[in-house]
PDB file of N, CA and C in Angstrom:
ATOM      1  N   MET A   1       1.754 328.208 246.899  1.00  0.00           N
ATOM      2  CA  MET A   1       2.100 328.926 247.929  1.00  0.00           C
ATOM      3  C   MET A   1       1.197 328.349 249.089  1.00  0.00           C
ATOM      4  N   ALA A   2       0.039 327.725 248.830  1.00  0.00           N
ATOM      5  CA  ALA A   2      -0.754 327.161 249.958  1.00  0.00           C
ATOM      6  C   ALA A   2      -0.144 325.902 250.792  1.00  0.00           C
ATOM      7  N   GLU A   3       0.818 325.107 249.911  1.00  0.00           N
ATOM      8  CA  GLU A   3       1.483 324.044 250.377  1.00  0.00           C
ATOM      9  C   GLU A   3       2.654 324.521 251.397  1.00  0.00           C
ATOM     10  N   SER A   4       3.461 325.419 251.285  1.00  0.00           N
ATOM     11  CA  SER A   4       4.440 325.709 251.915  1.00  0.00           C
ATOM     12  C   SER A   4       3.711 326.410 253.418  1.00  0.00           C
ATOM     13  N   SER A   5       2.670 327.078 253.365  1.00  0.00           N
ATOM     14  CA  SER A   5       2.110 327.566 254.428  1.00  0.00           C
ATOM     15  C   SER A   5       1.712 326.359 255.709  1.00  0.00           C
ATOM     16  N   ARG A   6       1.424 325.157 254.879  1.00  0.00           N
ATOM     17  CA  ARG A   6       1.082 324.027 256.024  1.00  0.00           C
ATOM     18  C   ARG A   6       2.307 323.430 256.429  1.00  0.00           C
ATOM     19  N   ARG A   7       3.323 323.592 255.793  1.00  0.00           N
ATOM     20  CA  ARG A   7       4.575 322.984 256.325  1.00  0.00           C
ATOM     21  C   ARG A   7       4.814 323.215 257.832  1.00  0.00           C
ATOM     22  N   VAL A   8       5.246 322.049 258.577  1.00  0.00           N
ATOM     23  CA  VAL A   8       5.221 321.988 259.858  1.00  0.00           C
ATOM     24  C   VAL A   8       6.694 322.636 260.129  1.00  0.00           C
ATOM     25  N   ALA A   9       7.204 323.484 260.949  1.00  0.00           N
ATOM     26  CA  ALA A   9       8.290 324.021 261.096  1.00  0.00           C
ATOM     27  C   ALA A   9       9.060 322.694 262.271  1.00  0.00           C
ATOM     28  N   PRO A  10      10.280 322.705 262.244  1.00  0.00           N
ATOM     29  CA  PRO A  10      10.832 321.915 263.198  1.00  0.00           C
ATOM     30  C   PRO A  10      10.384 322.176 264.626  1.00  0.00           C
ATOM     31  N   GLY A  11      10.049 321.060 265.176  1.00  0.00           N
ATOM     32  CA  GLY A  11       9.650 321.250 266.872  1.00  0.00           C
ATOM     33  C   GLY A  11       8.358 321.617 266.907  1.00  0.00           C
ATOM     34  N   ASN A  12       7.460 321.711 265.784  1.00  0.00           N
ATOM     35  CA  ASN A  12       6.099 322.207 265.766  1.00  0.00           C
ATOM     36  C   ASN A  12       5.970 323.451 266.252  1.00  0.00           C
ATOM     37  N   ASP A  13       7.067 324.262 266.004  1.00  0.00           N
ATOM     38  CA  ASP A  13       6.924 325.590 266.331  1.00  0.00           C
ATOM     39  C   ASP A  13       6.486 326.646 264.925  1.00  0.00           C
ATOM     40  N   ASN A  14       5.194 326.895 264.771  1.00  0.00           N
ATOM     41  CA  ASN A  14       5.063 327.662 263.553  1.00  0.00           C
ATOM     42  C   ASN A  14       5.101 329.162 263.570  1.00  0.00           C
ATOM     43  N   SER A  15       5.564 329.579 264.757  1.00  0.00           N
ATOM     44  CA  SER A  15       5.615 331.064 264.977  1.00  0.00           C
ATOM     45  C   SER A  15       6.552 331.714 264.065  1.00  0.00           C
ATOM     46  N   LEU A  16       6.164 333.194 263.924  1.00  0.00           N
ATOM     47  CA  LEU A  16       6.869 333.766 262.898  1.00  0.00           C
ATOM     48  C   LEU A  16       8.316 333.887 263.000  1.00  0.00           C
ATOM     49  N   GLU A  17       8.865 333.975 264.288  1.00  0.00           N
ATOM     50  CA  GLU A  17      10.320 333.724 264.497  1.00  0.00           C
ATOM     51  C   GLU A  17      10.939 332.544 264.031  1.00  0.00           C
ATOM     52  N   ALA A  18      10.130 331.531 264.140  1.00  0.00           N
ATOM     53  CA  ALA A  18      10.915 330.329 263.729  1.00  0.00           C
ATOM     54  C   ALA A  18      10.753 330.177 262.409  1.00  0.00           C
ATOM     55  N   LEU A  19       9.823 330.681 261.571  1.00  0.00           N
ATOM     56  CA  LEU A  19       9.745 330.768 260.185  1.00  0.00           C
ATOM     57  C   LEU A  19      10.985 331.462 259.815  1.00  0.00           C
ATOM     58  N   TRP A  20      11.179 332.579 260.272  1.00  0.00           N
ATOM     59  CA  TRP A  20      12.379 333.600 259.791  1.00  0.00           C
ATOM     60  C   TRP A  20      13.604 332.862 260.039  1.00  0.00           C
ATOM     61  N   VAL A  21      13.578 332.176 260.982  1.00  0.00           N
ATOM     62  CA  VAL A  21      15.029 331.468 261.404  1.00  0.00           C
ATOM     63  C   VAL A  21      15.400 330.348 260.421  1.00  0.00           C
ATOM     64  N   GLU A  22      14.148 329.595 259.809  1.00  0.00           N
ATOM     65  CA  GLU A  22      14.264 328.600 258.794  1.00  0.00           C
ATOM     66  C   GLU A  22      14.542 329.225 257.529  1.00  0.00           C
ATOM     67  N   HIS A  23      13.878 330.534 257.296  1.00  0.00           N
ATOM     68  CA  HIS A  23      14.392 331.229 256.097  1.00  0.00           C
ATOM     69  C   HIS A  23      15.514 331.680 255.942  1.00  0.00           C
ATOM     70  N   ASN A  24      16.112 332.050 257.063  1.00  0.00           N
ATOM     71  CA  ASN A  24      17.689 332.362 257.065  1.00  0.00           C
ATOM     72  C   ASN A  24      18.549 331.184 256.832  1.00  0.00           C
ATOM     73  N   HIS A  25      18.177 330.248 257.191  1.00  0.00           N
ATOM     74  CA  HIS A  25      18.836 328.889 257.281  1.00  0.00           C
ATOM     75  C   HIS A  25      19.004 328.713 255.743  1.00  0.00           C
ATOM     76  N   LEU A  26      18.001 328.582 255.306  1.00  0.00           N
ATOM     77  CA  LEU A  26      17.865 328.144 253.685  1.00  0.00           C
ATOM     78  C   LEU A  26      18.534 329.167 252.734  1.00  0.00           C
ATOM     79  N   ALA A  27      18.442 330.380 253.167  1.00  0.00           N
ATOM     80  CA  ALA A  27      19.219 331.368 252.461  1.00  0.00           C
ATOM     81  C   ALA A  27      20.526 331.273 252.423  1.00  0.00           C
ATOM     82  N   GLN A  28      21.019 330.838 253.803  1.00  0.00           N
ATOM     83  CA  GLN A  28      22.613 330.485 253.936  1.00  0.00           C
ATOM     84  C   GLN A  28      23.126 329.322 253.057  1.00  0.00           C
ATOM     85  N   GLN A  29      22.227 328.266 253.101  1.00  0.00           N
ATOM     86  CA  GLN A  29      22.540 327.082 252.170  1.00  0.00           C
ATOM     87  C   GLN A  29      22.681 327.375 250.856  1.00  0.00           C
ATOM     88  N   THR A  30      21.697 328.171 250.231  1.00  0.00           N
ATOM     89  CA  THR A  30      21.685 328.700 249.060  1.00  0.00           C
ATOM     90  C   THR A  30      23.074 329.599 248.599  1.00  0.00           C
ATOM     91  N   ASP A  31      23.351 330.378 249.538  1.00  0.00           N
ATOM     92  CA  ASP A  31      24.606 331.363 249.332  1.00  0.00           C
ATOM     93  C   ASP A  31      25.773 330.270 249.280  1.00  0.00           C
ATOM     94  N   ASP A  32      25.774 329.391 250.274  1.00  0.00           N
ATOM     95  CA  ASP A  32      26.902 328.465 250.225  1.00  0.00           C
ATOM     96  C   ASP A  32      27.017 327.630 248.843  1.00  0.00           C
ATOM     97  N   LEU A  33      25.918 327.144 248.433  1.00  0.00           N
ATOM     98  CA  LEU A  33      25.843 326.529 247.276  1.00  0.00           C
ATOM     99  C   LEU A  33      26.198 327.120 245.976  1.00  0.00           C
ATOM    100  N   ALA A  34      25.720 328.475 246.019  1.00  0.00           N
ATOM    101  CA  ALA A  34      26.389 329.473 244.830  1.00  0.00           C
ATOM    102  C   ALA A  34      27.801 329.589 244.869  1.00  0.00           C
ATOM    103  N   THR A  35      28.161 329.819 245.886  1.00  0.00           N
ATOM    104  CA  THR A  35      29.771 330.087 246.115  1.00  0.00           C
ATOM    105  C   THR A  35      30.483 328.741 245.736  1.00  0.00           C
ATOM    106  N   GLU A  36      30.087 327.656 246.032  1.00  0.00           N
ATOM    107  CA  GLU A  36      30.573 326.467 245.599  1.00  0.00           C
ATOM    108  C   GLU A  36      30.553 326.158 243.972  1.00  0.00           C
ATOM    109  N   VAL A  37      29.328 326.521 243.361  1.00  0.00           N
ATOM    110  CA  VAL A  37      29.104 326.533 242.090  1.00  0.00           C
ATOM    111  C   VAL A  37      30.026 327.429 241.187  1.00  0.00           C
ATOM    112  N   HIS A  38      30.355 328.899 241.689  1.00  0.00           N
ATOM    113  CA  HIS A  38      31.149 329.579 241.066  1.00  0.00           C
ATOM    114  C   HIS A  38      32.492 329.230 241.348  1.00  0.00           C
ATOM    115  N   ARG A  39      33.024 328.672 242.352  1.00  0.00           N
ATOM    116  CA  ARG A  39      34.450 328.312 242.647  1.00  0.00           C
ATOM    117  C   ARG A  39      34.557 327.089 241.658  1.00  0.00           C
ATOM    118  N   SER A  40      33.856 326.208 241.523  1.00  0.00           N
ATOM    119  CA  SER A  40      34.011 325.003 240.529  1.00  0.00           C
ATOM    120  C   SER A  40      34.059 325.747 239.202  1.00  0.00           C
ATOM    121  N   TYR A  41      32.919 326.475 239.066  1.00  0.00           N
ATOM    122  CA  TYR A  41      33.173 327.159 237.336  1.00  0.00           C
ATOM    123  C   TYR A  41      34.511 327.777 237.228  1.00  0.00           C
ATOM    124  N   GLY A  42      34.966 328.629 238.149  1.00  0.00           N
ATOM    125  CA  GLY A  42      36.310 329.281 237.902  1.00  0.00           C
ATOM    126  C   GLY A  42      37.658 328.229 237.845  1.00  0.00           C
ATOM    127  N   GLU A  43      37.643 326.962 238.502  1.00  0.00           N
ATOM    128  CA  GLU A  43      38.316 325.958 238.219  1.00  0.00           C
ATOM    129  C   GLU A  43      38.359 325.625 236.993  1.00  0.00           C
ATOM    130  N   LEU A  44      37.159 325.242 236.640  1.00  0.00           N
ATOM    131  CA  LEU A  44      36.994 324.498 234.920  1.00  0.00           C
ATOM    132  C   LEU A  44      37.318 325.503 234.005  1.00  0.00           C
ATOM    133  N   ARG A  45      37.104 327.035 234.220  1.00  0.00           N
ATOM    134  CA  ARG A  45      37.721 327.642 233.170  1.00  0.00           C
ATOM    135  C   ARG A  45      39.240 327.738 233.207  1.00  0.00           C
ATOM    136  N   GLN A  46      39.750 327.577 234.057  1.00  0.00           N
ATOM    137  CA  GLN A  46      41.457 327.604 234.181  1.00  0.00           C
ATOM    138  C   GLN A  46      41.859 326.254 233.583  1.00  0.00           C
ATOM    139  N   GLU A  47      41.097 325.311 233.964  1.00  0.00           N
ATOM    140  CA  GLU A  47      41.687 324.003 233.221  1.00  0.00           C
ATOM    141  C   GLU A  47      41.436 324.054 231.830  1.00  0.00           C
ATOM    142  N   LEU A  48      40.558 324.562 231.285  1.00  0.00           N
ATOM    143  CA  LEU A  48      40.051 324.563 229.973  1.00  0.00           C
ATOM    144  C   LEU A  48      41.047 325.772 229.205  1.00  0.00           C
ATOM    145  N   ARG A  49      41.516 326.596 229.943  1.00  0.00           N
ATOM    146  CA  ARG A  49      42.598 327.508 229.185  1.00  0.00           C
ATOM    147  C   ARG A  49      43.881 326.795 228.996  1.00  0.00           C
ATOM    148  N   ALA A  50      44.036 326.162 230.232  1.00  0.00           N
ATOM    149  CA  ALA A  50      45.450 325.258 230.121  1.00  0.00           C
ATOM    150  C   ALA A  50      45.459 324.346 228.933  1.00  0.00           C
ATOM    151  N   ILE A  51      44.388 323.471 228.817  1.00  0.00           N
ATOM    152  CA  ILE A  51      44.190 322.673 227.733  1.00  0.00           C
ATOM    153  C   ILE A  51      44.127 323.289 226.280  1.00  0.00           C
ATOM    154  N   HIS A  52      43.635 324.407 226.069  1.00  0.00           N
ATOM    155  CA  HIS A  52      43.557 325.139 224.815  1.00  0.00           C
ATOM    156  C   HIS A  52      45.085 325.612 224.798  1.00  0.00           C
ATOM    157  N   ALA A  53      45.852 326.041 225.605  1.00  0.00           N
ATOM    158  CA  ALA A  53      46.995 326.615 225.384  1.00  0.00           C
ATOM    159  C   ALA A  53      48.142 325.463 225.056  1.00  0.00           C
ATOM    160  N   ARG A  54      47.877 324.221 225.717  1.00  0.00           N
ATOM    161  CA  ARG A  54      48.584 323.152 225.455  1.00  0.00           C
ATOM    162  C   ARG A  54      48.290 322.570 223.850  1.00  0.00           C
ATOM    163  N   LEU A  55      47.038 322.583 223.462  1.00  0.00           N
ATOM    164  CA  LEU A  55      46.661 322.041 222.110  1.00  0.00           C
ATOM    165  C   LEU A  55      47.253 323.346 221.109  1.00  0.00           C
ATOM    166  N   ASP A  56      47.028 324.491 221.502  1.00  0.00           N
ATOM    167  CA  ASP A  56      47.849 325.548 220.382  1.00  0.00           C
ATOM    168  C   ASP A  56      49.119 325.342 220.040  1.00  0.00           C
ATOM    169  N   ARG A  57      49.905 324.536 221.197  1.00  0.00           N
ATOM    170  CA  ARG A  57      51.311 324.550 221.117  1.00  0.00           C
ATOM    171  C   ARG A  57      51.685 323.377 220.169  1.00  0.00           C
ATOM    172  N   LEU A  58      50.719 322.427 220.303  1.00  0.00           N
ATOM    173  CA  LEU A  58      50.978 321.296 219.509  1.00  0.00           C
ATOM    174  C   LEU A  58      50.544 321.200 218.101  1.00  0.00           C
ATOM    175  N   GLN A  59      49.837 322.182 217.714  1.00  0.00           N
ATOM    176  CA  GLN A  59      49.430 322.042 216.275  1.00  0.00           C
ATOM    177  C   GLN A  59      50.452 322.928 215.464  1.00  0.00           C
ATOM    178  N   PRO A  60      50.617 322.175 214.176  1.00  0.00           N
ATOM    179  CA  PRO A  60      51.609 322.724 213.439  1.00  0.00           C
ATOM    180  C   PRO A  60      50.984 324.006 212.856  1.00  0.00           C
ATOM    181  N   VAL A  61      52.036 324.872 212.404  1.00  0.00           N
ATOM    182  CA  VAL A  61      51.624 326.057 211.844  1.00  0.00           C
ATOM    183  C   VAL A  61      51.443 325.654 210.194  1.00  0.00           C
ATOM    184  N   ARG A  62      50.215 326.150 209.900  1.00  0.00           N
ATOM    185  CA  ARG A  62      49.789 326.094 208.474  1.00  0.00           C
ATOM    186  C   ARG A  62      50.029 327.041 207.513  1.00  0.00           C
ATOM    187  N   ALA A  63      50.958 326.744 206.289  1.00  0.00           N
ATOM    188  CA  ALA A  63      51.183 327.747 205.515  1.00  0.00           C
ATOM    189  C   ALA A  63      49.953 328.108 204.888  1.00  0.00           C
ATOM    190  N   ALA A  64      49.624 329.437 204.635  1.00  0.00           N
ATOM    191  CA  ALA A  64      48.417 330.101 203.824  1.00  0.00           C
ATOM    192  C   ALA A  64      48.743 329.687 202.308  1.00  0.00           C
ATOM    193  N   GLY A  65      47.837 329.019 201.775  1.00  0.00           N
ATOM    194  CA  GLY A  65      47.913 328.730 200.328  1.00  0.00           C
ATOM    195  C   GLY A  65      47.021 329.835 199.542  1.00  0.00           C
ATOM    196  N   ASN A  66      47.124 329.480 198.177  1.00  0.00           N
ATOM    197  CA  ASN A  66      46.316 330.274 197.317  1.00  0.00           C
ATOM    198  C   ASN A  66      44.955 329.698 197.268  1.00  0.00           C
ATOM    199  N   ALA A  67      43.863 330.209 197.230  1.00  0.00           N
ATOM    200  CA  ALA A  67      42.560 329.608 197.162  1.00  0.00           C
ATOM    201  C   ALA A  67      42.153 329.115 195.732  1.00  0.00           C
ATOM    202  N   VAL A  68      41.913 327.903 195.313  1.00  0.00           N
ATOM    203  CA  VAL A  68      41.579 327.614 193.964  1.00  0.00           C
ATOM    204  C   VAL A  68      40.383 326.819 194.140  1.00  0.00           C
ATOM    205  N   ARG A  69      39.532 327.328 193.346  1.00  0.00           N
ATOM    206  CA  ARG A  69      38.306 326.627 193.176  1.00  0.00           C
ATOM    207  C   ARG A  69      38.462 325.206 192.554  1.00  0.00           C
ATOM    208  N   ARG A  70      37.942 324.098 193.093  1.00  0.00           N
ATOM    209  CA  ARG A  70      37.964 322.794 192.415  1.00  0.00           C
ATOM    210  C   ARG A  70      37.391 322.833 191.087  1.00  0.00           C
ATOM    211  N   GLY A  71      38.200 321.952 190.161  1.00  0.00           N
ATOM    212  CA  GLY A  71      37.759 321.756 188.797  1.00  0.00           C
ATOM    213  C   GLY A  71      38.011 323.047 188.113  1.00  0.00           C
ATOM    214  N   ALA A  72      38.589 324.350 188.530  1.00  0.00           N
ATOM    215  CA  ALA A  72      38.752 325.477 187.512  1.00  0.00           C
ATOM    216  C   ALA A  72      40.238 325.529 187.075  1.00  0.00           C
ATOM    217  N   GLU A  73      40.464 325.744 186.079  1.00  0.00           N
ATOM    218  CA  GLU A  73      41.703 326.083 185.544  1.00  0.00           C
ATOM    219  C   GLU A  73      42.233 327.433 185.993  1.00  0.00           C
ATOM    220  N   VAL A  74      43.515 327.504 186.287  1.00  0.00           N
ATOM    221  CA  VAL A  74      44.108 328.740 186.665  1.00  0.00           C
ATOM    222  C   VAL A  74      44.172 329.809 185.417  1.00  0.00           C
ATOM    223  N   GLY A  75      44.688 329.292 184.393  1.00  0.00           N
ATOM    224  CA  GLY A  75      44.988 330.326 183.325  1.00  0.00           C
ATOM    225  C   GLY A  75      43.775 330.672 182.340  1.00  0.00           C
ATOM    226  N   ARG A  76      42.588 329.889 182.738  1.00  0.00           N
ATOM    227  CA  ARG A  76      41.276 330.052 181.928  1.00  0.00           C
ATOM    228  C   ARG A  76      40.640 331.469 181.766  1.00  0.00           C
ATOM    229  N   GLN A  77      40.102 331.991 180.811  1.00  0.00           N
ATOM    230  CA  GLN A  77      39.591 333.217 180.664  1.00  0.00           C
ATOM    231  C   GLN A  77      38.194 333.241 181.044  1.00  0.00           C
ATOM    232  N   ARG A  78      37.359 334.130 181.217  1.00  0.00           N
ATOM    233  CA  ARG A  78      36.007 334.045 181.383  1.00  0.00           C
ATOM    234  C   ARG A  78      35.073 333.578 180.214  1.00  0.00           C
ATOM    235  N   PRO A  79      33.863 332.911 180.479  1.00  0.00           N
ATOM    236  CA  PRO A  79      33.336 332.423 179.239  1.00  0.00           C
ATOM    237  C   PRO A  79      32.909 334.046 178.321  1.00  0.00           C
ATOM    238  N   ARG A  80      32.581 333.567 177.255  1.00  0.00           N
ATOM    239  CA  ARG A  80      32.283 334.657 176.055  1.00  0.00           C
ATOM    240  C   ARG A  80      30.758 334.914 176.360  1.00  0.00           C
ATOM    241  N   GLY A  81      30.147 334.514 176.904  1.00  0.00           N
ATOM    242  CA  GLY A  81      28.466 334.655 177.005  1.00  0.00           C
ATOM    243  C   GLY A  81      28.196 335.531 178.183  1.00  0.00           C
ATOM    244  N   SER A  82      29.079 336.210 178.764  1.00  0.00           N
ATOM    245  CA  SER A  82      28.952 336.856 180.029  1.00  0.00           C
ATOM    246  C   SER A  82      28.292 338.196 179.723  1.00  0.00           C
ATOM    247  N   GLN A  83      27.432 338.519 180.558  1.00  0.00           N
ATOM    248  CA  GLN A  83      26.769 340.013 180.271  1.00  0.00           C
ATOM    249  C   GLN A  83      27.135 341.242 180.856  1.00  0.00           C
ATOM    250  N   THR A  84      28.422 341.120 181.153  1.00  0.00           N
ATOM    251  CA  THR A  84      29.168 342.419 181.578  1.00  0.00           C
ATOM    252  C   THR A  84      29.573 343.259 180.512  1.00  0.00           C
ATOM    253  N   CYS A  85      29.550 344.559 181.020  1.00  0.00           N
ATOM    254  CA  CYS A  85      29.937 345.604 180.000  1.00  0.00           C
ATOM    255  C   CYS A  85      31.469 345.985 180.436  1.00  0.00           C
ATOM    256  N   ASP A  86      32.033 346.280 179.583  1.00  0.00           N
ATOM    257  CA  ASP A  86      33.436 346.891 179.826  1.00  0.00           C
ATOM    258  C   ASP A  86      33.603 348.066 179.739  1.00  0.00           C
ATOM    259  N   THR A  87      33.990 348.790 180.702  1.00  0.00           N
ATOM    260  CA  THR A  87      34.067 350.352 180.487  1.00  0.00           C
ATOM    261  C   THR A  87      35.244 350.742 179.947  1.00  0.00           C
ATOM    262  N   SER A  88      35.244 351.913 179.289  1.00  0.00           N
ATOM    263  CA  SER A  88      36.255 352.378 178.404  1.00  0.00           C
ATOM    264  C   SER A  88      36.252 354.095 178.549  1.00  0.00           C
ATOM    265  N   ASP A  89      37.454 354.509 178.635  1.00  0.00           N
ATOM    266  CA  ASP A  89      37.870 356.005 178.762  1.00  0.00           C
ATOM    267  C   ASP A  89      37.741 356.782 177.276  1.00  0.00           C
ATOM    268  N   SER A  90      37.662 356.058 176.222  1.00  0.00           N
ATOM    269  CA  SER A  90      37.571 356.640 174.830  1.00  0.00           C
ATOM    270  C   SER A  90      36.724 357.756 174.904  1.00  0.00           C
ATOM    271  N   GLU A  91      37.098 358.631 174.024  1.00  0.00           N
ATOM    272  CA  GLU A  91      36.091 359.930 174.029  1.00  0.00           C
ATOM    273  C   GLU A  91      34.819 359.604 172.992  1.00  0.00           C
ATOM    274  N   ASP A  92      35.351 358.862 172.199  1.00  0.00           N
ATOM    275  CA  ASP A  92      34.319 358.203 171.147  1.00  0.00           C
ATOM    276  C   ASP A  92      32.795 357.547 171.772  1.00  0.00           C
ATOM    277  N   GLU A  93      33.336 356.664 172.466  1.00  0.00           N
ATOM    278  CA  GLU A  93      32.265 355.943 173.247  1.00  0.00           C
ATOM    279  C   GLU A  93      31.567 356.740 174.496  1.00  0.00           C
ATOM    280  N   LEU A  94      32.359 357.793 174.990  1.00  0.00           N
ATOM    281  CA  LEU A  94      31.650 358.512 175.933  1.00  0.00           C
ATOM    282  C   LEU A  94      30.685 359.737 175.303  1.00  0.00           C
ATOM    283  N   GLU A  95      31.009 360.026 174.077  1.00  0.00           N
ATOM    284  CA  GLU A  95      30.122 360.843 173.363  1.00  0.00           C
ATOM    285  C   GLU A  95      29.048 360.323 172.697  1.00  0.00           C
ATOM    286  N   HIS A  96      29.094 358.888 172.360  1.00  0.00           N
ATOM    287  CA  HIS A  96      27.923 358.072 171.834  1.00  0.00           C
ATOM    288  C   HIS A  96      27.037 357.909 173.052  1.00  0.00           C
ATOM    289  N   LEU A  97      27.633 357.731 174.127  1.00  0.00           N
ATOM    290  CA  LEU A  97      26.657 357.508 175.278  1.00  0.00           C
ATOM    291  C   LEU A  97      25.938 358.613 175.844  1.00  0.00           C
ATOM    292  N   ARG A  98      26.722 359.941 175.735  1.00  0.00           N
ATOM    293  CA  ARG A  98      25.925 360.958 176.151  1.00  0.00           C
ATOM    294  C   ARG A  98      24.600 361.222 175.305  1.00  0.00           C
ATOM    295  N   ASN A  99      24.869 360.839 174.011  1.00  0.00           N
ATOM    296  CA  ASN A  99      23.778 361.054 173.257  1.00  0.00           C
ATOM    297  C   ASN A  99      22.608 360.361 173.198  1.00  0.00           C
ATOM    298  N   LEU A 100      22.610 359.148 174.028  1.00  0.00           N
ATOM    299  CA  LEU A 100      21.659 358.228 174.129  1.00  0.00           C
ATOM    300  C   LEU A 100      20.674 358.495 175.106  1.00  0.00           C
ATOM    301  N   ASN A 101      19.316 358.423 174.765  1.00  0.00           N
ATOM    302  CA  ASN A 101      18.241 358.528 175.869  1.00  0.00           C
ATOM    303  C   ASN A 101      18.035 357.107 176.279  1.00  0.00           C
ATOM    304  N   MET A 102      18.399 356.816 177.534  1.00  0.00           N
ATOM    305  CA  MET A 102      18.182 355.464 178.098  1.00  0.00           C
ATOM    306  C   MET A 102      16.767 355.154 178.500  1.00  0.00           C
ATOM    307  N   CYS A 103      16.062 356.226 178.976  1.00  0.00           N
ATOM    308  CA  CYS A 103      14.846 355.868 179.355  1.00  0.00           C
ATOM    309  C   CYS A 103      13.668 355.513 178.193  1.00  0.00           C
ATOM    310  N   SER A 104      14.175 355.831 176.808  1.00  0.00           N
ATOM    311  CA  SER A 104      13.305 355.301 175.810  1.00  0.00           C
ATOM    312  C   SER A 104      13.500 353.918 175.390  1.00  0.00           C
ATOM    313  N   TRP A 105      14.816 353.398 175.884  1.00  0.00           N
ATOM    314  CA  TRP A 105      15.240 352.161 175.437  1.00  0.00           C
ATOM    315  C   TRP A 105      14.449 350.911 176.438  1.00  0.00           C
ATOM    316  N   PRO A 106      14.104 349.915 175.706  1.00  0.00           N
ATOM    317  CA  PRO A 106      13.691 348.703 176.440  1.00  0.00           C
ATOM    318  C   PRO A 106      14.961 348.069 177.068  1.00  0.00           C
ATOM    319  N   ALA A 107      14.641 347.523 178.303  1.00  0.00           N
ATOM    320  CA  ALA A 107      15.841 347.000 179.191  1.00  0.00           C
ATOM    321  C   ALA A 107      16.739 345.893 178.137  1.00  0.00           C
ATOM    322  N   ILE A 108      15.918 345.056 177.430  1.00  0.00           N
ATOM    323  CA  ILE A 108      16.422 344.083 176.493  1.00  0.00           C
ATOM    324  C   ILE A 108      17.661 344.594 175.501  1.00  0.00           C
ATOM    325  N   THR A 109      17.270 345.691 175.010  1.00  0.00           N
ATOM    326  CA  THR A 109      17.976 346.424 174.117  1.00  0.00           C
ATOM    327  C   THR A 109      19.439 346.754 174.636  1.00  0.00           C
ATOM    328  N   VAL A 110      19.394 347.246 175.884  1.00  0.00           N
ATOM    329  CA  VAL A 110      20.498 347.552 176.579  1.00  0.00           C
ATOM    330  C   VAL A 110      21.422 346.412 176.897  1.00  0.00           C
ATOM    331  N   ALA A 111      20.817 345.415 177.339  1.00  0.00           N
ATOM    332  CA  ALA A 111      21.557 343.975 177.563  1.00  0.00           C
ATOM    333  C   ALA A 111      22.098 343.531 176.135  1.00  0.00           C
ATOM    334  N   ARG A 112      21.560 343.667 175.018  1.00  0.00           N
ATOM    335  CA  ARG A 112      21.992 343.283 173.840  1.00  0.00           C
ATOM    336  C   ARG A 112      23.127 344.307 173.197  1.00  0.00           C
ATOM    337  N   ALA A 113      23.143 345.249 173.646  1.00  0.00           N
ATOM    338  CA  ALA A 113      24.230 346.310 173.286  1.00  0.00           C
ATOM    339  C   ALA A 113      25.481 345.871 174.391  1.00  0.00           C
ATOM    340  N   CYS A 114      25.295 345.592 175.435  1.00  0.00           N
ATOM    341  CA  CYS A 114      26.466 345.261 176.243  1.00  0.00           C
ATOM    342  C   CYS A 114      27.175 343.906 175.786  1.00  0.00           C
ATOM    343  N   SER A 115      26.149 342.815 175.507  1.00  0.00           N
ATOM    344  CA  SER A 115      26.677 341.744 175.255  1.00  0.00           C
ATOM    345  C   SER A 115      27.740 341.748 173.913  1.00  0.00           C
ATOM    346  N   ARG A 116      27.008 342.652 172.713  1.00  0.00           N
ATOM    347  CA  ARG A 116      27.865 342.799 171.485  1.00  0.00           C
ATOM    348  C   ARG A 116      29.060 343.530 171.679  1.00  0.00           C
ATOM    349  N   ARG A 117      29.190 344.472 172.669  1.00  0.00           N
ATOM    350  CA  ARG A 117      30.437 345.169 173.171  1.00  0.00           C
ATOM    351  C   ARG A 117      31.433 344.035 173.345  1.00  0.00           C
ATOM    352  N   GLY A 118      31.033 343.367 174.442  1.00  0.00           N
ATOM    353  CA  GLY A 118      31.990 342.423 175.155  1.00  0.00           C
ATOM    354  C   GLY A 118      32.379 341.368 174.240  1.00  0.00           C
TER     355      GLY A 118
END
């Protein structure tokens, strides 16, 4: 701030009036520059939209295919060692599960029971 106060106004006029005139001149130049930048930005956006529209028309339409993992066989079943439990609606299994007290069983026993069923 100290350096700008030492600046000499044009014509060696350091009056408050001359400083305000210079300030207004700089503000006008800043506004003109901002207007030019906004105009250029608008033109650039329009040109980019036109380029994208042309590129979209030139690209061939791709048909959506089925997603297949590399190295995976389509008809292959799941490995037998999986730890998933199959759900069932049979009354025998539901009755058996109702009688279980799961809180007293260790977690490893539950995992073994699931793997034996699968």
